[in-house]
Amino acid sequence: MNLGGAAVPVIHLCRLFGLPWEAPGLYTPLLVVSGHPGPLALLVDEVTDLLSVDQKALVQVREDQVFNDCVEAEIDLGDRTLHLLSPDRLLLEEERQRVAALREAAQERLAALAGSDR
């Protein structure tokens, strides 16, 4: 994705978590998260709310309970439990390297396109 001239990789969470594939639509939401070496967009089914959560409300998840420890904590809202994902642990190291290489190649292409507009 081109976000203001910056190449931002988009990761489809259903692929990442082995869920059934659903093709994105025109209004499929993307959550852009900061990270190293740059931002990453997560393609999600829907966004139902935006919450500010007190640190005291977070329940730590024991290590080795989920793949790559990508869930940092849980938040109990009474009628549902939310899982707080760690952007730094969503991808394995090899996946991060591949995404970074693709981001760099896309950024070079964007820069070349911007240069050809002059």
Protein backbone atom coordinates (compact mmCIF):
# COMPACT_ATOMS: atom_id res chain seq x y z
CA MET A 1 0.00 0.00 0.00
CA ASN A 2 1.24 3.50 -0.79
CA LEU A 3 0.59 5.65 2.28
CA GLY A 4 1.71 9.19 1.56
CA GLY A 5 4.67 8.01 -0.51
CA ALA A 6 5.69 5.31 1.97
CA ALA A 7 5.45 1.64 1.02
CA VAL A 8 3.47 -0.14 3.73
CA PRO A 9 3.18 -3.94 3.58
CA VAL A 10 -0.32 -5.33 4.15
CA ILE A 11 -0.69 -8.60 6.03
CA HIS A 12 -4.02 -10.44 5.83
CA LEU A 13 -4.62 -11.76 9.35
CA CYS A 14 -6.70 -14.70 8.13
CA ARG A 15 -3.62 -15.97 6.25
CA LEU A 16 -1.40 -15.37 9.24
CA PHE A 17 -3.65 -17.28 11.63
CA GLY A 18 -4.69 -20.02 9.19
CA LEU A 19 -8.32 -18.92 9.05
CA PRO A 20 -10.58 -19.36 6.00
CA TRP A 21 -9.69 -16.93 3.20
CA GLU A 22 -12.02 -14.03 2.59
CA ALA A 23 -11.28 -11.72 -0.31
CA PRO A 24 -10.97 -8.09 0.80
CA GLY A 25 -13.66 -5.69 -0.36
CA LEU A 26 -13.63 -2.01 -1.17
CA TYR A 27 -14.24 -1.06 2.47
CA THR A 28 -12.22 -3.77 4.21
CA PRO A 29 -10.44 -2.05 7.11
CA LEU A 30 -6.68 -1.83 7.46
CA LEU A 31 -5.05 -1.19 10.84
CA VAL A 32 -1.71 0.55 10.43
CA VAL A 33 0.73 -0.19 13.25
CA SER A 34 4.20 1.23 13.80
CA GLY A 35 7.10 -1.10 13.93
CA HIS A 36 10.63 -1.75 12.94
CA PRO A 37 11.79 -1.28 10.20
CA GLY A 38 8.60 0.57 9.28
CA PRO A 39 4.81 0.59 9.48
CA LEU A 40 2.75 -2.50 8.76
CA ALA A 41 -0.95 -2.67 7.82
CA LEU A 42 -3.11 -5.49 9.11
CA LEU A 43 -6.11 -6.39 6.97
CA VAL A 44 -8.96 -7.32 9.32
CA ASP A 45 -12.57 -8.42 8.89
CA GLU A 46 -14.02 -5.51 10.80
CA VAL A 47 -13.35 -2.84 13.39
CA THR A 48 -16.14 -2.58 15.92
CA ASP A 49 -14.69 -0.22 18.49
CA LEU A 50 -11.66 1.77 19.56
CA LEU A 51 -10.80 1.44 23.24
CA SER A 52 -8.51 3.10 25.75
CA VAL A 53 -7.65 0.48 28.33
CA ASP A 54 -6.12 0.98 31.74
CA GLN A 55 -2.95 -1.10 32.14
CA LYS A 56 -4.50 -2.64 35.28
CA ALA A 57 -7.26 -4.18 33.14
CA LEU A 58 -4.75 -6.21 31.11
CA VAL A 59 -4.39 -9.86 32.07
CA GLN A 60 -1.00 -11.20 31.04
CA VAL A 61 -1.01 -14.35 28.93
CA ARG A 62 1.39 -17.09 29.95
CA GLU A 63 4.30 -17.65 27.60
CA ASP A 64 4.03 -20.56 25.16
CA GLN A 65 0.23 -20.37 25.10
CA VAL A 66 0.02 -18.99 21.55
CA PHE A 67 2.26 -19.19 18.50
CA ASN A 68 5.35 -17.02 18.80
CA ASP A 69 3.84 -15.43 21.94
CA CYS A 70 2.02 -12.96 19.68
CA VAL A 71 -0.74 -12.35 22.25
CA GLU A 72 0.60 -10.07 24.99
CA ALA A 73 -2.49 -9.83 27.15
CA GLU A 74 -6.23 -10.32 27.36
CA ILE A 75 -8.85 -7.75 28.22
CA ASP A 76 -12.07 -8.99 29.83
CA LEU A 77 -15.03 -6.83 28.83
CA GLY A 78 -17.61 -8.98 30.61
CA ASP A 79 -19.45 -10.25 27.56
CA ARG A 80 -16.29 -10.85 25.52
CA THR A 81 -12.55 -11.21 25.83
CA LEU A 82 -10.19 -9.30 23.58
CA HIS A 83 -6.65 -10.38 22.80
CA LEU A 84 -3.94 -7.74 22.64
CA LEU A 85 -1.59 -8.67 19.80
CA SER A 86 2.08 -7.76 19.74
CA PRO A 87 2.99 -6.29 16.33
CA ASP A 88 6.63 -7.23 16.99
CA ARG A 89 5.74 -10.91 17.42
CA LEU A 90 3.11 -11.41 14.73
CA LEU A 91 5.75 -12.49 12.23
CA LEU A 92 8.63 -14.89 12.57
CA GLU A 93 12.13 -13.50 11.96
CA GLU A 94 12.31 -14.96 8.44
CA GLU A 95 8.89 -13.49 7.62
CA ARG A 96 9.99 -10.08 8.96
CA GLN A 97 13.08 -10.19 6.75
CA ARG A 98 11.03 -11.07 3.67
CA VAL A 99 8.49 -8.35 4.38
CA ALA A 100 11.30 -5.82 4.92
CA ALA A 101 12.90 -6.80 1.59
CA LEU A 102 9.55 -6.45 -0.20
CA ARG A 103 8.93 -3.08 1.52
CA GLU A 104 12.34 -1.85 0.37
CA ALA A 105 11.72 -2.98 -3.22
CA ALA A 106 8.29 -1.33 -3.25
CA GLN A 107 9.75 1.87 -1.79
CA GLU A 108 12.36 1.96 -4.56
CA ARG A 109 9.61 1.54 -7.16
CA LEU A 110 7.58 4.35 -5.58
CA ALA A 111 10.63 6.60 -5.59
CA ALA A 112 11.29 5.80 -9.27
CA LEU A 113 7.65 6.60 -10.11
CA ALA A 114 7.83 9.88 -8.20
CA GLY A 115 11.04 10.74 -10.07
CA SER A 116 9.43 10.06 -13.44
CA ASP A 117 6.64 12.55 -12.67
CA ARG A 118 9.08 15.45 -12.76
